[in-house]
Amino acid sequence: MQVTTVAGPDGQSAGVGIVSVVTGGAADQAGIAAGDVVTAVNGEPTPDTQALSTVLAGLSPGQSVPVKITPAGSWTEKTVQVKLRELAPAPS
């Protein structure tokens, strides 16, 4: 999944925009799509990519967490469950 910080109607950071998702991946299976904006994960606000990374770093692989998103083209929100998986080891 690729993400970027997005600005809201007031010009302030409004969340993390989904640029793309991996077909069949956890985000795709949860209904998260390109253009959606993640505004909170596990009850923690995610106004930018750094906040999202911090929240995700505190979670465990296999853990299901609520993710609050604003669907593409809308400022309404829905909550989905995303199951985290372990990261592949970094190439050496």
Protein backbone atom coordinates (compact mmCIF):
# COMPACT_ATOMS: atom_id res chain seq x y z
CA MET A 1 0.00 0.00 0.00
CA GLN A 2 1.27 3.46 -0.85
CA VAL A 3 0.15 6.47 1.19
CA THR A 4 0.60 10.24 1.41
CA THR A 5 -0.52 12.99 3.80
CA VAL A 6 -3.53 14.90 2.47
CA ALA A 7 -4.92 18.32 3.31
CA GLY A 8 -8.54 18.84 4.30
CA PRO A 9 -10.87 21.60 3.15
CA ASP A 10 -9.21 23.97 5.64
CA GLY A 11 -5.71 23.30 4.28
CA GLN A 12 -4.60 21.44 7.43
CA SER A 13 -3.43 17.81 7.46
CA ALA A 14 -6.61 15.74 7.35
CA GLY A 15 -5.30 12.21 7.27
CA VAL A 16 -3.37 9.73 5.21
CA GLY A 17 -4.46 9.33 1.61
CA ILE A 18 -4.33 5.88 0.08
CA VAL A 19 -2.46 6.10 -3.23
CA SER A 20 -2.67 2.38 -4.04
CA VAL A 21 -3.41 -0.95 -2.36
CA VAL A 22 -2.12 -4.45 -3.03
CA THR A 23 -4.82 -6.53 -4.71
CA GLY A 24 -5.86 -9.24 -2.26
CA GLY A 25 -3.94 -7.61 0.61
CA ALA A 26 -5.39 -6.78 4.02
CA ALA A 27 -6.42 -3.24 3.07
CA ASP A 28 -8.05 -4.44 -0.15
CA GLN A 29 -9.89 -7.20 1.71
CA ALA A 30 -11.13 -4.64 4.26
CA GLY A 31 -12.56 -2.46 1.51
CA ILE A 32 -9.93 0.28 1.65
CA ALA A 33 -9.28 1.68 -1.83
CA ALA A 34 -7.09 4.22 -3.60
CA GLY A 35 -8.43 7.70 -2.88
CA ASP A 36 -9.67 6.83 0.62
CA VAL A 37 -8.29 8.85 3.55
CA VAL A 38 -7.34 7.13 6.83
CA THR A 39 -8.19 9.42 9.75
CA ALA A 40 -7.66 7.06 12.71
CA VAL A 41 -6.29 3.59 13.48
CA ASN A 42 -7.20 1.73 16.66
CA GLY A 43 -8.76 4.92 18.04
CA GLU A 44 -5.61 7.00 17.47
CA PRO A 45 -5.81 9.98 15.06
CA THR A 46 -3.64 9.71 11.94
CA PRO A 47 -3.35 13.26 10.61
CA ASP A 48 -0.22 12.41 8.61
CA THR A 49 1.99 9.51 7.50
CA GLN A 50 4.27 9.84 10.54
CA ALA A 51 1.31 9.42 12.91
CA LEU A 52 0.12 6.39 10.91
CA SER A 53 3.58 4.79 11.09
CA THR A 54 3.74 5.40 14.85
CA VAL A 55 0.34 3.80 15.46
CA LEU A 56 1.11 0.79 13.23
CA ALA A 57 4.49 0.27 14.94
CA GLY A 58 2.67 -0.25 18.24
CA LEU A 59 0.48 -3.04 16.90
CA SER A 60 1.18 -6.77 16.69
CA PRO A 61 1.17 -8.93 13.54
CA GLY A 62 -2.15 -10.74 13.27
CA GLN A 63 -3.95 -8.08 15.32
CA SER A 64 -7.27 -6.80 13.93
CA VAL A 65 -7.79 -3.09 14.49
CA PRO A 66 -10.52 -0.57 13.61
CA VAL A 67 -9.50 1.87 10.89
CA LYS A 68 -11.56 5.02 10.37
CA ILE A 69 -11.55 6.10 6.74
CA THR A 70 -13.16 8.78 4.65
CA PRO A 71 -14.13 7.16 1.34
CA ALA A 72 -12.80 8.76 -1.85
CA GLY A 73 -14.81 11.82 -2.89
CA SER A 74 -16.66 12.06 0.42
CA TRP A 75 -16.13 13.51 3.87
CA THR A 76 -18.29 10.90 5.58
CA GLU A 77 -16.50 8.18 7.53
CA LYS A 78 -16.75 4.42 7.83
CA THR A 79 -14.91 2.04 10.11
CA VAL A 80 -13.33 -1.17 8.79
CA GLN A 81 -11.22 -3.92 10.38
CA VAL A 82 -7.70 -4.46 9.05
CA LYS A 83 -5.61 -7.46 10.05
CA LEU A 84 -1.88 -6.74 10.18
CA ARG A 85 0.66 -9.26 8.95
CA GLU A 86 4.34 -9.66 9.67
CA LEU A 87 6.74 -7.73 7.48
CA ALA A 88 9.09 -9.66 5.24
CA PRO A 89 12.73 -9.40 6.31
CA ALA A 90 14.64 -6.56 4.67
CA PRO A 91 17.05 -7.69 1.94
CA SER A 92 20.67 -7.69 3.03
